[in-house]
Amino acid sequence: FRGGSEEVYKCVKMRLEINRSWQK
């Protein structure tokens, strides 16, 4: 919103990792 000029107006994009807790 408003071109994402401020942090509170930015969308949230995430990469999903499924069942990879073994890597930790």
mmCIF file of all heavy atoms, coordinates in Angstrom:
data_MODEL
# 
_entry.id   MODEL 
# 
loop_
_atom_site.group_PDB 
_atom_site.id 
_atom_site.type_symbol 
_atom_site.label_atom_id 
_atom_site.label_alt_id 
_atom_site.label_comp_id 
_atom_site.label_asym_id 
_atom_site.label_entity_id 
_atom_site.label_seq_id 
_atom_site.pdbx_PDB_ins_code 
_atom_site.Cartn_x 
_atom_site.Cartn_y 
_atom_site.Cartn_z 
_atom_site.occupancy 
_atom_site.B_iso_or_equiv 
_atom_site.pdbx_formal_charge 
_atom_site.auth_seq_id 
_atom_site.auth_comp_id 
_atom_site.auth_asym_id 
_atom_site.auth_atom_id 
_atom_site.pdbx_PDB_model_num 
ATOM 1   N N   . PHE A 1 1  ? 0.864  -1.186  0.000  1.00 0.00 ? 1  PHE A N   1 
ATOM 2   C CA  . PHE A 1 1  ? 0.000  0.000   0.000  1.00 0.00 ? 1  PHE A CA  1 
ATOM 3   C C   . PHE A 1 1  ? 0.899  1.234   0.000  1.00 0.00 ? 1  PHE A C   1 
ATOM 4   O O   . PHE A 1 1  ? 1.940  1.258   0.659  1.00 0.00 ? 1  PHE A O   1 
ATOM 5   C CB  . PHE A 1 1  ? -0.911 -0.011  1.242  1.00 0.00 ? 1  PHE A CB  1 
ATOM 6   C CG  . PHE A 1 1  ? -1.841 1.159   1.327  1.00 0.00 ? 1  PHE A CG  1 
ATOM 7   C CD1 . PHE A 1 1  ? -2.825 1.346   0.374  1.00 0.00 ? 1  PHE A CD1 1 
ATOM 8   C CD2 . PHE A 1 1  ? -1.739 2.073   2.366  1.00 0.00 ? 1  PHE A CD2 1 
ATOM 9   C CE1 . PHE A 1 1  ? -3.694 2.428   0.447  1.00 0.00 ? 1  PHE A CE1 1 
ATOM 10  C CE2 . PHE A 1 1  ? -2.600 3.157   2.455  1.00 0.00 ? 1  PHE A CE2 1 
ATOM 11  C CZ  . PHE A 1 1  ? -3.581 3.338   1.493  1.00 0.00 ? 1  PHE A CZ  1 
ATOM 12  N N   . ARG A 1 2  ? 0.524  2.240   -0.775 1.00 0.00 ? 2  ARG A N   1 
ATOM 13  C CA  . ARG A 1 2  ? 1.331  3.449   -0.925 1.00 0.00 ? 2  ARG A CA  1 
ATOM 14  C C   . ARG A 1 2  ? 2.741  3.100   -1.425 1.00 0.00 ? 2  ARG A C   1 
ATOM 15  O O   . ARG A 1 2  ? 3.725  3.719   -1.026 1.00 0.00 ? 2  ARG A O   1 
ATOM 16  C CB  . ARG A 1 2  ? 1.428  4.215   0.394  1.00 0.00 ? 2  ARG A CB  1 
ATOM 17  C CG  . ARG A 1 2  ? 0.102  4.763   0.888  1.00 0.00 ? 2  ARG A CG  1 
ATOM 18  C CD  . ARG A 1 2  ? 0.284  5.547   2.170  1.00 0.00 ? 2  ARG A CD  1 
ATOM 19  N NE  . ARG A 1 2  ? -0.995 6.059   2.668  1.00 0.00 ? 2  ARG A NE  1 
ATOM 20  C CZ  . ARG A 1 2  ? -1.129 6.727   3.813  1.00 0.00 ? 2  ARG A CZ  1 
ATOM 21  N NH1 . ARG A 1 2  ? -0.067 6.965   4.567  1.00 0.00 ? 2  ARG A NH1 1 
ATOM 22  N NH2 . ARG A 1 2  ? -2.321 7.156   4.201  1.00 0.00 ? 2  ARG A NH2 1 
ATOM 23  N N   . GLY A 1 3  ? 2.794  2.100   -2.273 1.00 0.00 ? 3  GLY A N   1 
ATOM 24  C CA  . GLY A 1 3  ? 4.076  1.721   -2.859 1.00 0.00 ? 3  GLY A CA  1 
ATOM 25  C C   . GLY A 1 3  ? 5.029  1.066   -1.887 1.00 0.00 ? 3  GLY A C   1 
ATOM 26  O O   . GLY A 1 3  ? 6.216  0.894   -2.192 1.00 0.00 ? 3  GLY A O   1 
ATOM 27  N N   . GLY A 1 4  ? 4.529  0.680   -0.700 1.00 0.00 ? 4  GLY A N   1 
ATOM 28  C CA  . GLY A 1 4  ? 5.398  0.058   0.291  1.00 0.00 ? 4  GLY A CA  1 
ATOM 29  C C   . GLY A 1 4  ? 6.478  1.001   0.777  1.00 0.00 ? 4  GLY A C   1 
ATOM 30  O O   . GLY A 1 4  ? 7.576  0.578   1.136  1.00 0.00 ? 4  GLY A O   1 
ATOM 31  N N   . SER A 1 5  ? 6.154  2.312   0.797  1.00 0.00 ? 5  SER A N   1 
ATOM 32  C CA  . SER A 1 5  ? 7.145  3.325   1.174  1.00 0.00 ? 5  SER A CA  1 
ATOM 33  C C   . SER A 1 5  ? 7.553  3.211   2.639  1.00 0.00 ? 5  SER A C   1 
ATOM 34  O O   . SER A 1 5  ? 8.647  3.601   3.017  1.00 0.00 ? 5  SER A O   1 
ATOM 35  C CB  . SER A 1 5  ? 6.609  4.721   0.885  1.00 0.00 ? 5  SER A CB  1 
ATOM 36  O OG  . SER A 1 5  ? 5.349  4.917   1.529  1.00 0.00 ? 5  SER A OG  1 
ATOM 37  N N   . GLU A 1 6  ? 6.669  2.668   3.467  1.00 0.00 ? 6  GLU A N   1 
ATOM 38  C CA  . GLU A 1 6  ? 6.963  2.481   4.883  1.00 0.00 ? 6  GLU A CA  1 
ATOM 39  C C   . GLU A 1 6  ? 6.795  1.015   5.243  1.00 0.00 ? 6  GLU A C   1 
ATOM 40  O O   . GLU A 1 6  ? 6.059  0.276   4.580  1.00 0.00 ? 6  GLU A O   1 
ATOM 41  C CB  . GLU A 1 6  ? 6.030  3.343   5.733  1.00 0.00 ? 6  GLU A CB  1 
ATOM 42  C CG  . GLU A 1 6  ? 6.145  4.841   5.474  1.00 0.00 ? 6  GLU A CG  1 
ATOM 43  C CD  . GLU A 1 6  ? 5.174  5.638   6.328  1.00 0.00 ? 6  GLU A CD  1 
ATOM 44  O OE1 . GLU A 1 6  ? 4.994  5.268   7.507  1.00 0.00 ? 6  GLU A OE1 1 
ATOM 45  O OE2 . GLU A 1 6  ? 4.594  6.617   5.814  1.00 0.00 ? 6  GLU A OE2 1 
ATOM 46  N N   . GLU A 1 7  ? 7.489  0.600   6.317  1.00 0.00 ? 7  GLU A N   1 
ATOM 47  C CA  . GLU A 1 7  ? 7.452  -0.813  6.722  1.00 0.00 ? 7  GLU A CA  1 
ATOM 48  C C   . GLU A 1 7  ? 6.026  -1.303  6.977  1.00 0.00 ? 7  GLU A C   1 
ATOM 49  O O   . GLU A 1 7  ? 5.676  -2.425  6.613  1.00 0.00 ? 7  GLU A O   1 
ATOM 50  C CB  . GLU A 1 7  ? 8.306  -1.006  7.985  1.00 0.00 ? 7  GLU A CB  1 
ATOM 51  C CG  . GLU A 1 7  ? 9.803  -0.902  7.760  1.00 0.00 ? 7  GLU A CG  1 
ATOM 52  C CD  . GLU A 1 7  ? 10.350 -2.061  6.947  1.00 0.00 ? 7  GLU A CD  1 
ATOM 53  O OE1 . GLU A 1 7  ? 10.076 -3.220  7.301  1.00 0.00 ? 7  GLU A OE1 1 
ATOM 54  O OE2 . GLU A 1 7  ? 11.028 -1.799  5.936  1.00 0.00 ? 7  GLU A OE2 1 
ATOM 55  N N   . VAL A 1 8  ? 5.201  -0.455  7.591  1.00 0.00 ? 8  VAL A N   1 
ATOM 56  C CA  . VAL A 1 8  ? 3.850  -0.897  7.961  1.00 0.00 ? 8  VAL A CA  1 
ATOM 57  C C   . VAL A 1 8  ? 2.934  -1.044  6.755  1.00 0.00 ? 8  VAL A C   1 
ATOM 58  O O   . VAL A 1 8  ? 1.831  -1.582  6.883  1.00 0.00 ? 8  VAL A O   1 
ATOM 59  C CB  . VAL A 1 8  ? 3.211  0.083   8.969  1.00 0.00 ? 8  VAL A CB  1 
ATOM 60  C CG1 . VAL A 1 8  ? 3.946  0.043   10.290 1.00 0.00 ? 8  VAL A CG1 1 
ATOM 61  C CG2 . VAL A 1 8  ? 3.178  1.495   8.402  1.00 0.00 ? 8  VAL A CG2 1 
ATOM 62  N N   . TYR A 1 9  ? 3.366  -0.590  5.586  1.00 0.00 ? 9  TYR A N   1 
ATOM 63  C CA  . TYR A 1 9  ? 2.543  -0.702  4.383  1.00 0.00 ? 9  TYR A CA  1 
ATOM 64  C C   . TYR A 1 9  ? 3.076  -1.758  3.409  1.00 0.00 ? 9  TYR A C   1 
ATOM 65  O O   . TYR A 1 9  ? 2.654  -1.815  2.260  1.00 0.00 ? 9  TYR A O   1 
ATOM 66  C CB  . TYR A 1 9  ? 2.455  0.649   3.674  1.00 0.00 ? 9  TYR A CB  1 
ATOM 67  C CG  . TYR A 1 9  ? 1.760  1.721   4.484  1.00 0.00 ? 9  TYR A CG  1 
ATOM 68  C CD1 . TYR A 1 9  ? 2.333  2.980   4.647  1.00 0.00 ? 9  TYR A CD1 1 
ATOM 69  C CD2 . TYR A 1 9  ? 0.530  1.467   5.093  1.00 0.00 ? 9  TYR A CD2 1 
ATOM 70  C CE1 . TYR A 1 9  ? 1.697  3.965   5.393  1.00 0.00 ? 9  TYR A CE1 1 
ATOM 71  C CE2 . TYR A 1 9  ? -0.112 2.451   5.839  1.00 0.00 ? 9  TYR A CE2 1 
ATOM 72  C CZ  . TYR A 1 9  ? 0.475  3.686   5.991  1.00 0.00 ? 9  TYR A CZ  1 
ATOM 73  O OH  . TYR A 1 9  ? -0.165 4.650   6.735  1.00 0.00 ? 9  TYR A OH  1 
ATOM 74  N N   . LYS A 1 10 ? 4.004  -2.578  3.867  1.00 0.00 ? 10 LYS A N   1 
ATOM 75  C CA  . LYS A 1 10 ? 4.573  -3.613  3.000  1.00 0.00 ? 10 LYS A CA  1 
ATOM 76  C C   . LYS A 1 10 ? 3.847  -4.939  3.179  1.00 0.00 ? 10 LYS A C   1 
ATOM 77  O O   . LYS A 1 10 ? 3.397  -5.279  4.277  1.00 0.00 ? 10 LYS A O   1 
ATOM 78  C CB  . LYS A 1 10 ? 6.068  -3.797  3.308  1.00 0.00 ? 10 LYS A CB  1 
ATOM 79  C CG  . LYS A 1 10 ? 6.933  -2.618  2.904  1.00 0.00 ? 10 LYS A CG  1 
ATOM 80  C CD  . LYS A 1 10 ? 8.398  -2.894  3.193  1.00 0.00 ? 10 LYS A CD  1 
ATOM 81  C CE  . LYS A 1 10 ? 9.271  -1.736  2.735  1.00 0.00 ? 10 LYS A CE  1 
ATOM 82  N NZ  . LYS A 1 10 ? 10.715 -2.001  2.997  1.00 0.00 ? 10 LYS A NZ  1 
ATOM 83  N N   . CYS A 1 11 ? 3.736  -5.680  2.087  1.00 0.00 ? 11 CYS A N   1 
ATOM 84  C CA  . CYS A 1 11 ? 3.138  -7.001  2.162  1.00 0.00 ? 11 CYS A CA  1 
ATOM 85  C C   . CYS A 1 11 ? 4.146  -7.971  2.792  1.00 0.00 ? 11 CYS A C   1 
ATOM 86  O O   . CYS A 1 11 ? 5.322  -7.647  2.975  1.00 0.00 ? 11 CYS A O   1 
ATOM 87  C CB  . CYS A 1 11 ? 2.720  -7.489  0.776  1.00 0.00 ? 11 CYS A CB  1 
ATOM 88  S SG  . CYS A 1 11 ? 4.115  -7.792  -0.341 1.00 0.00 ? 11 CYS A SG  1 
ATOM 89  N N   . VAL A 1 12 ? 3.679  -9.159  3.110  1.00 0.00 ? 12 VAL A N   1 
ATOM 90  C CA  . VAL A 1 12 ? 4.535  -10.183 3.708  1.00 0.00 ? 12 VAL A CA  1 
ATOM 91  C C   . VAL A 1 12 ? 4.694  -11.322 2.708  1.00 0.00 ? 12 VAL A C   1 
ATOM 92  O O   . VAL A 1 12 ? 3.709  -11.929 2.287  1.00 0.00 ? 12 VAL A O   1 
ATOM 93  C CB  . VAL A 1 12 ? 3.924  -10.723 5.022  1.00 0.00 ? 12 VAL A CB  1 
ATOM 94  C CG1 . VAL A 1 12 ? 4.788  -11.835 5.594  1.00 0.00 ? 12 VAL A CG1 1 
ATOM 95  C CG2 . VAL A 1 12 ? 3.744  -9.598  6.029  1.00 0.00 ? 12 VAL A CG2 1 
ATOM 96  N N   . LYS A 1 13 ? 5.944  -11.579 2.302  1.00 0.00 ? 13 LYS A N   1 
ATOM 97  C CA  . LYS A 1 13 ? 6.240  -12.691 1.408  1.00 0.00 ? 13 LYS A CA  1 
ATOM 98  C C   . LYS A 1 13 ? 7.134  -13.672 2.140  1.00 0.00 ? 13 LYS A C   1 
ATOM 99  O O   . LYS A 1 13 ? 8.141  -13.274 2.737  1.00 0.00 ? 13 LYS A O   1 
ATOM 100 C CB  . LYS A 1 13 ? 6.936  -12.203 0.134  1.00 0.00 ? 13 LYS A CB  1 
ATOM 101 C CG  . LYS A 1 13 ? 6.065  -11.332 -0.760 1.00 0.00 ? 13 LYS A CG  1 
ATOM 102 C CD  . LYS A 1 13 ? 6.821  -10.923 -2.018 1.00 0.00 ? 13 LYS A CD  1 
ATOM 103 C CE  . LYS A 1 13 ? 5.975  -10.012 -2.895 1.00 0.00 ? 13 LYS A CE  1 
ATOM 104 N NZ  . LYS A 1 13 ? 6.703  -9.591  -4.118 1.00 0.00 ? 13 LYS A NZ  1 
ATOM 105 N N   . MET A 1 14 ? 6.776  -14.933 2.093  1.00 0.00 ? 14 MET A N   1 
ATOM 106 C CA  . MET A 1 14 ? 7.536  -15.939 2.827  1.00 0.00 ? 14 MET A CA  1 
ATOM 107 C C   . MET A 1 14 ? 7.731  -17.209 1.999  1.00 0.00 ? 14 MET A C   1 
ATOM 108 O O   . MET A 1 14 ? 6.904  -17.560 1.166  1.00 0.00 ? 14 MET A O   1 
ATOM 109 C CB  . MET A 1 14 ? 6.833  -16.279 4.141  1.00 0.00 ? 14 MET A CB  1 
ATOM 110 C CG  . MET A 1 14 ? 5.461  -16.903 3.962  1.00 0.00 ? 14 MET A CG  1 
ATOM 111 S SD  . MET A 1 14 ? 4.580  -17.111 5.530  1.00 0.00 ? 14 MET A SD  1 
ATOM 112 C CE  . MET A 1 14 ? 3.928  -15.469 5.766  1.00 0.00 ? 14 MET A CE  1 
ATOM 113 N N   . ARG A 1 15 ? 8.877  -17.832 2.223  1.00 0.00 ? 15 ARG A N   1 
ATOM 114 C CA  . ARG A 1 15 ? 9.144  -19.146 1.637  1.00 0.00 ? 15 ARG A CA  1 
ATOM 115 C C   . ARG A 1 15 ? 8.809  -20.198 2.692  1.00 0.00 ? 15 ARG A C   1 
ATOM 116 O O   . ARG A 1 15 ? 9.200  -20.070 3.859  1.00 0.00 ? 15 ARG A O   1 
ATOM 117 C CB  . ARG A 1 15 ? 10.606 -19.265 1.221  1.00 0.00 ? 15 ARG A CB  1 
ATOM 118 C CG  . ARG A 1 15 ? 10.934 -20.585 0.516  1.00 0.00 ? 15 ARG A CG  1 
ATOM 119 C CD  . ARG A 1 15 ? 12.439 -20.768 0.375  1.00 0.00 ? 15 ARG A CD  1 
ATOM 120 N NE  . ARG A 1 15 ? 13.017 -19.678 -0.385 1.00 0.00 ? 15 ARG A NE  1 
ATOM 121 C CZ  . ARG A 1 15 ? 13.091 -19.663 -1.719 1.00 0.00 ? 15 ARG A CZ  1 
ATOM 122 N NH1 . ARG A 1 15 ? 12.614 -20.685 -2.412 1.00 0.00 ? 15 ARG A NH1 1 
ATOM 123 N NH2 . ARG A 1 15 ? 13.645 -18.642 -2.342 1.00 0.00 ? 15 ARG A NH2 1 
ATOM 124 N N   . LEU A 1 16 ? 8.085  -21.227 2.293  1.00 0.00 ? 16 LEU A N   1 
ATOM 125 C CA  . LEU A 1 16 ? 7.649  -22.259 3.230  1.00 0.00 ? 16 LEU A CA  1 
ATOM 126 C C   . LEU A 1 16 ? 8.576  -23.463 3.174  1.00 0.00 ? 16 LEU A C   1 
ATOM 127 O O   . LEU A 1 16 ? 8.886  -23.978 2.102  1.00 0.00 ? 16 LEU A O   1 
ATOM 128 C CB  . LEU A 1 16 ? 6.217  -22.691 2.906  1.00 0.00 ? 16 LEU A CB  1 
ATOM 129 C CG  . LEU A 1 16 ? 5.159  -21.578 2.890  1.00 0.00 ? 16 LEU A CG  1 
ATOM 130 C CD1 . LEU A 1 16 ? 3.798  -22.150 2.500  1.00 0.00 ? 16 LEU A CD1 1 
ATOM 131 C CD2 . LEU A 1 16 ? 5.078  -20.875 4.236  1.00 0.00 ? 16 LEU A CD2 1 
ATOM 132 N N   . GLU A 1 17 ? 9.025  -23.891 4.336  1.00 0.00 ? 17 GLU A N   1 
ATOM 133 C CA  . GLU A 1 17 ? 9.821  -25.104 4.454  1.00 0.00 ? 17 GLU A CA  1 
ATOM 134 C C   . GLU A 1 17 ? 8.983  -26.127 5.207  1.00 0.00 ? 17 GLU A C   1 
ATOM 135 O O   . GLU A 1 17 ? 8.587  -25.904 6.351  1.00 0.00 ? 17 GLU A O   1 
ATOM 136 C CB  . GLU A 1 17 ? 11.127 -24.837 5.201  1.00 0.00 ? 17 GLU A CB  1 
ATOM 137 C CG  . GLU A 1 17 ? 12.058 -23.882 4.481  1.00 0.00 ? 17 GLU A CG  1 
ATOM 138 C CD  . GLU A 1 17 ? 13.336 -23.639 5.259  1.00 0.00 ? 17 GLU A CD  1 
ATOM 139 O OE1 . GLU A 1 17 ? 13.551 -24.332 6.283  1.00 0.00 ? 17 GLU A OE1 1 
ATOM 140 O OE2 . GLU A 1 17 ? 14.117 -22.761 4.861  1.00 0.00 ? 17 GLU A OE2 1 
ATOM 141 N N   . ILE A 1 18 ? 8.699  -27.243 4.551  1.00 0.00 ? 18 ILE A N   1 
ATOM 142 C CA  . ILE A 1 18 ? 7.825  -28.251 5.131  1.00 0.00 ? 18 ILE A CA  1 
ATOM 143 C C   . ILE A 1 18 ? 8.637  -29.445 5.616  1.00 0.00 ? 18 ILE A C   1 
ATOM 144 O O   . ILE A 1 18 ? 9.435  -30.021 4.865  1.00 0.00 ? 18 ILE A O   1 
ATOM 145 C CB  . ILE A 1 18 ? 6.780  -28.728 4.098  1.00 0.00 ? 18 ILE A CB  1 
ATOM 146 C CG1 . ILE A 1 18 ? 6.026  -27.529 3.501  1.00 0.00 ? 18 ILE A CG1 1 
ATOM 147 C CG2 . ILE A 1 18 ? 5.810  -29.720 4.728  1.00 0.00 ? 18 ILE A CG2 1 
ATOM 148 C CD1 . ILE A 1 18 ? 5.208  -26.759 4.489  1.00 0.00 ? 18 ILE A CD1 1 
ATOM 149 N N   . ASN A 1 19 ? 8.436  -29.812 6.879  1.00 0.00 ? 19 ASN A N   1 
ATOM 150 C CA  . ASN A 1 19 ? 9.049  -31.018 7.461  1.00 0.00 ? 19 ASN A CA  1 
ATOM 151 C C   . ASN A 1 19 ? 10.563 -31.061 7.283  1.00 0.00 ? 19 ASN A C   1 
ATOM 152 O O   . ASN A 1 19 ? 11.133 -32.089 6.921  1.00 0.00 ? 19 ASN A O   1 
ATOM 153 C CB  . ASN A 1 19 ? 8.414  -32.281 6.859  1.00 0.00 ? 19 ASN A CB  1 
ATOM 154 C CG  . ASN A 1 19 ? 6.914  -32.338 7.086  1.00 0.00 ? 19 ASN A CG  1 
ATOM 155 O OD1 . ASN A 1 19 ? 6.414  -31.808 8.066  1.00 0.00 ? 19 ASN A OD1 1 
ATOM 156 N ND2 . ASN A 1 19 ? 6.201  -32.975 6.169  1.00 0.00 ? 19 ASN A ND2 1 
ATOM 157 N N   . ARG A 1 20 ? 11.235 -29.919 7.532  1.00 0.00 ? 20 ARG A N   1 
ATOM 158 C CA  . ARG A 1 20 ? 12.695 -29.880 7.406  1.00 0.00 ? 20 ARG A CA  1 
ATOM 159 C C   . ARG A 1 20 ? 13.364 -29.551 8.743  1.00 0.00 ? 20 ARG A C   1 
ATOM 160 O O   . ARG A 1 20 ? 14.501 -29.084 8.769  1.00 0.00 ? 20 ARG A O   1 
ATOM 161 C CB  . ARG A 1 20 ? 13.101 -28.838 6.357  1.00 0.00 ? 20 ARG A CB  1 
ATOM 162 C CG  . ARG A 1 20 ? 12.607 -29.203 4.960  1.00 0.00 ? 20 ARG A CG  1 
ATOM 163 C CD  . ARG A 1 20 ? 12.955 -28.159 3.930  1.00 0.00 ? 20 ARG A CD  1 
ATOM 164 N NE  . ARG A 1 20 ? 14.375 -28.078 3.686  1.00 0.00 ? 20 ARG A NE  1 
ATOM 165 C CZ  . ARG A 1 20 ? 14.929 -27.309 2.742  1.00 0.00 ? 20 ARG A CZ  1 
ATOM 166 N NH1 . ARG A 1 20 ? 14.145 -26.577 1.970  1.00 0.00 ? 20 ARG A NH1 1 
ATOM 167 N NH2 . ARG A 1 20 ? 16.223 -27.281 2.567  1.00 0.00 ? 20 ARG A NH2 1 
ATOM 168 N N   . SER A 1 21 ? 12.661 -29.808 9.840  1.00 0.00 ? 21 SER A N   1 
ATOM 169 C CA  . SER A 1 21 ? 13.241 -29.528 11.156 1.00 0.00 ? 21 SER A CA  1 
ATOM 170 C C   . SER A 1 21 ? 14.459 -30.397 11.431 1.00 0.00 ? 21 SER A C   1 
ATOM 171 O O   . SER A 1 21 ? 15.290 -30.060 12.273 1.00 0.00 ? 21 SER A O   1 
ATOM 172 C CB  . SER A 1 21 ? 12.196 -29.730 12.258 1.00 0.00 ? 21 SER A CB  1 
ATOM 173 O OG  . SER A 1 21 ? 11.693 -31.047 12.232 1.00 0.00 ? 21 SER A OG  1 
ATOM 174 N N   . TRP A 1 22 ? 14.597 -31.513 10.709 1.00 0.00 ? 22 TRP A N   1 
ATOM 175 C CA  . TRP A 1 22 ? 15.755 -32.387 10.900 1.00 0.00 ? 22 TRP A CA  1 
ATOM 176 C C   . TRP A 1 22 ? 17.058 -31.658 10.575 1.00 0.00 ? 22 TRP A C   1 
ATOM 177 O O   . TRP A 1 22 ? 18.119 -32.011 11.078 1.00 0.00 ? 22 TRP A O   1 
ATOM 178 C CB  . TRP A 1 22 ? 15.632 -33.625 10.012 1.00 0.00 ? 22 TRP A CB  1 
ATOM 179 C CG  . TRP A 1 22 ? 15.508 -33.315 8.541  1.00 0.00 ? 22 TRP A CG  1 
ATOM 180 C CD1 . TRP A 1 22 ? 14.341 -33.118 7.846  1.00 0.00 ? 22 TRP A CD1 1 
ATOM 181 C CD2 . TRP A 1 22 ? 16.560 -33.126 7.604  1.00 0.00 ? 22 TRP A CD2 1 
ATOM 182 N NE1 . TRP A 1 22 ? 14.600 -32.828 6.536  1.00 0.00 ? 22 TRP A NE1 1 
ATOM 183 C CE2 . TRP A 1 22 ? 15.956 -32.830 6.349  1.00 0.00 ? 22 TRP A CE2 1 
ATOM 184 C CE3 . TRP A 1 22 ? 17.951 -33.183 7.678  1.00 0.00 ? 22 TRP A CE3 1 
ATOM 185 C CZ2 . TRP A 1 22 ? 16.706 -32.594 5.196  1.00 0.00 ? 22 TRP A CZ2 1 
ATOM 186 C CZ3 . TRP A 1 22 ? 18.696 -32.948 6.527  1.00 0.00 ? 22 TRP A CZ3 1 
ATOM 187 C CH2 . TRP A 1 22 ? 18.073 -32.662 5.313  1.00 0.00 ? 22 TRP A CH2 1 
ATOM 188 N N   . GLN A 1 23 ? 16.982 -30.615 9.723  1.00 0.00 ? 23 GLN A N   1 
ATOM 189 C CA  . GLN A 1 23 ? 18.195 -29.888 9.353  1.00 0.00 ? 23 GLN A CA  1 
ATOM 190 C C   . GLN A 1 23 ? 18.778 -29.098 10.516 1.00 0.00 ? 23 GLN A C   1 
ATOM 191 O O   . GLN A 1 23 ? 19.945 -28.724 10.489 1.00 0.00 ? 23 GLN A O   1 
ATOM 192 C CB  . GLN A 1 23 ? 17.899 -28.938 8.185  1.00 0.00 ? 23 GLN A CB  1 
ATOM 193 C CG  . GLN A 1 23 ? 17.623 -29.655 6.875  1.00 0.00 ? 23 GLN A CG  1 
ATOM 194 C CD  . GLN A 1 23 ? 17.401 -28.698 5.732  1.00 0.00 ? 23 GLN A CD  1 
ATOM 195 O OE1 . GLN A 1 23 ? 16.892 -27.591 5.937  1.00 0.00 ? 23 GLN A OE1 1 
ATOM 196 N NE2 . GLN A 1 23 ? 17.769 -29.086 4.532  1.00 0.00 ? 23 GLN A NE2 1 
ATOM 197 N N   . LYS A 1 24 ? 17.977 -28.841 11.545 1.00 0.00 ? 24 LYS A N   1 
ATOM 198 C CA  . LYS A 1 24 ? 18.458 -28.077 12.682 1.00 0.00 ? 24 LYS A CA  1 
ATOM 199 C C   . LYS A 1 24 ? 19.090 -28.964 13.741 1.00 0.00 ? 24 LYS A C   1 
ATOM 200 O O   . LYS A 1 24 ? 19.680 -28.460 14.705 1.00 0.00 ? 24 LYS A O   1 
ATOM 201 C CB  . LYS A 1 24 ? 17.296 -27.281 13.299 1.00 0.00 ? 24 LYS A CB  1 
ATOM 202 C CG  . LYS A 1 24 ? 16.671 -26.260 12.354 1.00 0.00 ? 24 LYS A CG  1 
ATOM 203 C CD  . LYS A 1 24 ? 15.537 -25.539 13.013 1.00 0.00 ? 24 LYS A CD  1 
ATOM 204 C CE  . LYS A 1 24 ? 15.984 -24.720 14.197 1.00 0.00 ? 24 LYS A CE  1 
ATOM 205 N NZ  . LYS A 1 24 ? 14.865 -23.959 14.802 1.00 0.00 ? 24 LYS A NZ  1 
# 
